[in-house]
Amino acid sequence: MSSRILAALLAFTALAACQRSATTEPAPTGPAPATSSKGESEAQQALDRLDTRVAVPLLPMMANHQKQNMRDHLMAVQEIVTAVATDDYAGVERATARIGFSEEMGQMCTHMGAGAPGGSASRAATCS
């Protein structure tokens, strides 16, 4: 397998994993933690304004399942990097298979999206 194809495969799997990930924990509410200087507080507020993500309201069991899935994706990416570094292309193939989309994953995402509080099947888009 050429290094160009391998690089494209790695980029694709990383992009696919990013598109499927979703924030499962609610955004923090309440007052910002105290900081040691006014500049740090303003910098944190500026960073918070840049983060436009919205948490998907999942039931605790679903949120835990999603978190475990994302942890496995992280492990798979680490395995891909290790396999690439050692020219273990079979290892790359095995690890990328865990990140790729499958019908089973699609059904699970649809089920989780429909079961989320206030959710609908459209929430399943977080998995695709």
C-alpha atoms as a PDB file:
ATOM      1  CA  MET A   1       0.000   0.000   0.000  1.00  0.00           C
ATOM      2  CA  SER A   2       1.532   3.313  -0.986  1.00  0.00           C
ATOM      3  CA  SER A   3       2.117   5.982   1.616  1.00  0.00           C
ATOM      4  CA  ARG A   4      -0.180   8.376  -0.284  1.00  0.00           C
ATOM      5  CA  ILE A   5      -3.110   5.939  -0.050  1.00  0.00           C
ATOM      6  CA  LEU A   6      -2.313   5.260   3.592  1.00  0.00           C
ATOM      7  CA  ALA A   7      -2.238   8.981   4.389  1.00  0.00           C
ATOM      8  CA  ALA A   8      -5.582   9.469   2.632  1.00  0.00           C
ATOM      9  CA  LEU A   9      -7.078   6.530   4.539  1.00  0.00           C
ATOM     10  CA  LEU A  10      -5.839   7.883   7.847  1.00  0.00           C
ATOM     11  CA  ALA A  11      -7.186  11.368   7.080  1.00  0.00           C
ATOM     12  CA  PHE A  12     -10.547   9.927   6.059  1.00  0.00           C
ATOM     13  CA  THR A  13     -10.918   7.844   9.217  1.00  0.00           C
ATOM     14  CA  ALA A  14      -9.956  10.764  11.430  1.00  0.00           C
ATOM     15  CA  LEU A  15     -12.488  12.989   9.652  1.00  0.00           C
ATOM     16  CA  ALA A  16     -15.203  10.343   9.888  1.00  0.00           C
ATOM     17  CA  ALA A  17     -14.567   9.920  13.608  1.00  0.00           C
ATOM     18  CA  CYS A  18     -14.775  13.677  14.146  1.00  0.00           C
ATOM     19  CA  GLN A  19     -18.087  13.888  12.311  1.00  0.00           C
ATOM     20  CA  ARG A  20     -19.568  11.087  14.416  1.00  0.00           C
ATOM     21  CA  SER A  21     -18.466  12.434  17.772  1.00  0.00           C
ATOM     22  CA  ALA A  22     -20.958  14.326  19.895  1.00  0.00           C
ATOM     23  CA  THR A  23     -20.762  16.102  23.187  1.00  0.00           C
ATOM     24  CA  THR A  24     -22.676  13.948  25.630  1.00  0.00           C
ATOM     25  CA  GLU A  25     -22.210  15.906  28.796  1.00  0.00           C
ATOM     26  CA  PRO A  26     -24.240  19.038  29.404  1.00  0.00           C
ATOM     27  CA  ALA A  27     -22.478  22.352  29.054  1.00  0.00           C
ATOM     28  CA  PRO A  28     -21.412  23.817  32.387  1.00  0.00           C
ATOM     29  CA  THR A  29     -23.810  26.331  33.837  1.00  0.00           C
ATOM     30  CA  GLY A  30     -23.535  28.816  36.618  1.00  0.00           C
ATOM     31  CA  PRO A  31     -20.812  31.298  37.450  1.00  0.00           C
ATOM     32  CA  ALA A  32     -17.370  30.905  35.965  1.00  0.00           C
ATOM     33  CA  PRO A  33     -14.719  29.656  38.356  1.00  0.00           C
ATOM     34  CA  ALA A  34     -12.667  32.325  40.044  1.00  0.00           C
ATOM     35  CA  THR A  35      -9.404  33.165  38.312  1.00  0.00           C
ATOM     36  CA  SER A  36      -6.278  34.782  39.548  1.00  0.00           C
ATOM     37  CA  SER A  37      -6.488  37.783  37.221  1.00  0.00           C
ATOM     38  CA  LYS A  38      -9.009  39.714  35.187  1.00  0.00           C
ATOM     39  CA  GLY A  39      -7.096  38.893  31.971  1.00  0.00           C
ATOM     40  CA  GLU A  40      -7.482  35.167  32.482  1.00  0.00           C
ATOM     41  CA  SER A  41     -11.213  35.570  33.020  1.00  0.00           C
ATOM     42  CA  GLU A  42     -11.604  37.634  29.842  1.00  0.00           C
ATOM     43  CA  ALA A  43      -9.527  35.136  27.872  1.00  0.00           C
ATOM     44  CA  GLN A  44     -11.683  32.261  29.109  1.00  0.00           C
ATOM     45  CA  GLN A  45     -14.842  34.155  28.197  1.00  0.00           C
ATOM     46  CA  ALA A  46     -13.465  34.785  24.701  1.00  0.00           C
ATOM     47  CA  LEU A  47     -12.706  31.083  24.297  1.00  0.00           C
ATOM     48  CA  ASP A  48     -16.172  30.156  25.547  1.00  0.00           C
ATOM     49  CA  ARG A  49     -17.748  32.428  22.910  1.00  0.00           C
ATOM     50  CA  LEU A  50     -15.791  30.626  20.182  1.00  0.00           C
ATOM     51  CA  ASP A  51     -17.140  27.233  21.238  1.00  0.00           C
ATOM     52  CA  THR A  52     -20.562  27.042  19.607  1.00  0.00           C
ATOM     53  CA  ARG A  53     -21.127  23.334  20.261  1.00  0.00           C
ATOM     54  CA  VAL A  54     -24.464  22.321  21.747  1.00  0.00           C
ATOM     55  CA  ALA A  55     -24.726  19.262  23.953  1.00  0.00           C
ATOM     56  CA  VAL A  56     -27.054  16.537  22.707  1.00  0.00           C
ATOM     57  CA  PRO A  57     -29.439  15.733  25.553  1.00  0.00           C
ATOM     58  CA  LEU A  58     -28.882  12.036  26.147  1.00  0.00           C
ATOM     59  CA  LEU A  59     -30.105   9.834  28.934  1.00  0.00           C
ATOM     60  CA  PRO A  60     -27.255   8.841  31.286  1.00  0.00           C
ATOM     61  CA  MET A  61     -27.121   5.275  29.949  1.00  0.00           C
ATOM     62  CA  MET A  62     -26.934   6.556  26.361  1.00  0.00           C
ATOM     63  CA  ALA A  63     -24.330   9.181  27.248  1.00  0.00           C
ATOM     64  CA  ASN A  64     -22.150   6.509  28.848  1.00  0.00           C
ATOM     65  CA  HIS A  65     -22.501   4.286  25.773  1.00  0.00           C
ATOM     66  CA  GLN A  66     -21.518   7.178  23.499  1.00  0.00           C
ATOM     67  CA  LYS A  67     -18.537   8.008  25.710  1.00  0.00           C
ATOM     68  CA  GLN A  68     -17.327   4.398  25.616  1.00  0.00           C
ATOM     69  CA  ASN A  69     -17.706   4.400  21.824  1.00  0.00           C
ATOM     70  CA  MET A  70     -15.615   7.572  21.517  1.00  0.00           C
ATOM     71  CA  ARG A  71     -12.954   6.120  23.835  1.00  0.00           C
ATOM     72  CA  ASP A  72     -12.746   3.063  21.592  1.00  0.00           C
ATOM     73  CA  HIS A  73     -12.365   5.386  18.582  1.00  0.00           C
ATOM     74  CA  LEU A  74      -9.475   7.120  20.338  1.00  0.00           C
ATOM     75  CA  MET A  75      -7.855   3.759  21.032  1.00  0.00           C
ATOM     76  CA  ALA A  76      -8.323   2.779  17.375  1.00  0.00           C
ATOM     77  CA  VAL A  77      -6.662   6.006  16.205  1.00  0.00           C
ATOM     78  CA  GLN A  78      -3.744   5.340  18.545  1.00  0.00           C
ATOM     79  CA  GLU A  79      -3.472   1.809  17.136  1.00  0.00           C
ATOM     80  CA  ILE A  80      -3.528   3.218  13.580  1.00  0.00           C
ATOM     81  CA  VAL A  81      -0.693   5.616  14.361  1.00  0.00           C
ATOM     82  CA  THR A  82       1.350   2.841  15.962  1.00  0.00           C
ATOM     83  CA  ALA A  83       0.687   0.488  13.055  1.00  0.00           C
ATOM     84  CA  VAL A  84       1.647   3.144  10.489  1.00  0.00           C
ATOM     85  CA  ALA A  85       4.871   3.831  12.370  1.00  0.00           C
ATOM     86  CA  THR A  86       5.812   0.151  12.194  1.00  0.00           C
ATOM     87  CA  ASP A  87       4.556  -0.458   8.613  1.00  0.00           C
ATOM     88  CA  ASP A  88       1.918  -2.854   9.966  1.00  0.00           C
ATOM     89  CA  TYR A  89      -0.742  -2.312   7.307  1.00  0.00           C
ATOM     90  CA  ALA A  90      -2.838  -5.252   8.484  1.00  0.00           C
ATOM     91  CA  GLY A  91      -2.970  -3.547  11.897  1.00  0.00           C
ATOM     92  CA  VAL A  92      -4.084  -0.309  10.229  1.00  0.00           C
ATOM     93  CA  GLU A  93      -6.863  -2.199   8.463  1.00  0.00           C
ATOM     94  CA  ARG A  94      -8.041  -3.878  11.691  1.00  0.00           C
ATOM     95  CA  ALA A  95      -8.091  -0.618  13.632  1.00  0.00           C
ATOM     96  CA  THR A  96      -9.843   1.410  10.907  1.00  0.00           C
ATOM     97  CA  ALA A  97     -12.604  -1.204  10.732  1.00  0.00           C
ATOM     98  CA  ARG A  98     -13.590  -0.248  14.304  1.00  0.00           C
ATOM     99  CA  ILE A  99     -14.070   3.382  13.307  1.00  0.00           C
ATOM    100  CA  GLY A 100     -15.895   2.872  10.021  1.00  0.00           C
ATOM    101  CA  PHE A 101     -19.651   3.160   9.611  1.00  0.00           C
ATOM    102  CA  SER A 102     -21.744  -0.005   9.614  1.00  0.00           C
ATOM    103  CA  GLU A 103     -25.462  -0.744   9.375  1.00  0.00           C
ATOM    104  CA  GLU A 104     -25.389  -1.865  13.007  1.00  0.00           C
ATOM    105  CA  MET A 105     -23.872   1.486  14.031  1.00  0.00           C
ATOM    106  CA  GLY A 106     -26.474   3.339  11.960  1.00  0.00           C
ATOM    107  CA  GLN A 107     -29.325   1.491  13.675  1.00  0.00           C
ATOM    108  CA  MET A 108     -27.833   2.199  17.090  1.00  0.00           C
ATOM    109  CA  CYS A 109     -27.501   5.903  16.296  1.00  0.00           C
ATOM    110  CA  THR A 110     -31.086   6.089  15.071  1.00  0.00           C
ATOM    111  CA  HIS A 111     -32.266   4.348  18.237  1.00  0.00           C
ATOM    112  CA  MET A 112     -30.214   6.633  20.491  1.00  0.00           C
ATOM    113  CA  GLY A 113     -31.362   9.754  18.637  1.00  0.00           C
ATOM    114  CA  ALA A 114     -35.003   8.778  18.925  1.00  0.00           C
ATOM    115  CA  GLY A 115     -34.582   7.966  22.621  1.00  0.00           C
ATOM    116  CA  ALA A 116     -32.899  11.238  23.561  1.00  0.00           C
ATOM    117  CA  PRO A 117     -35.065  13.643  25.562  1.00  0.00           C
ATOM    118  CA  GLY A 118     -36.784  15.887  23.045  1.00  0.00           C
ATOM    119  CA  GLY A 119     -35.006  13.882  20.378  1.00  0.00           C
ATOM    120  CA  SER A 120     -36.000  12.589  17.026  1.00  0.00           C
ATOM    121  CA  ALA A 121     -34.432  10.322  14.477  1.00  0.00           C
ATOM    122  CA  SER A 122     -32.755  13.429  13.070  1.00  0.00           C
ATOM    123  CA  ARG A 123     -30.438  13.386  16.084  1.00  0.00           C
ATOM    124  CA  ALA A 124     -28.933  10.258  14.538  1.00  0.00           C
ATOM    125  CA  ALA A 125     -27.059  12.636  12.243  1.00  0.00           C
ATOM    126  CA  THR A 126     -24.462  12.915  15.015  1.00  0.00           C
ATOM    127  CA  CYS A 127     -23.358   9.401  14.086  1.00  0.00           C
ATOM    128  CA  SER A 128     -23.125   9.831  10.348  1.00  0.00           C
END
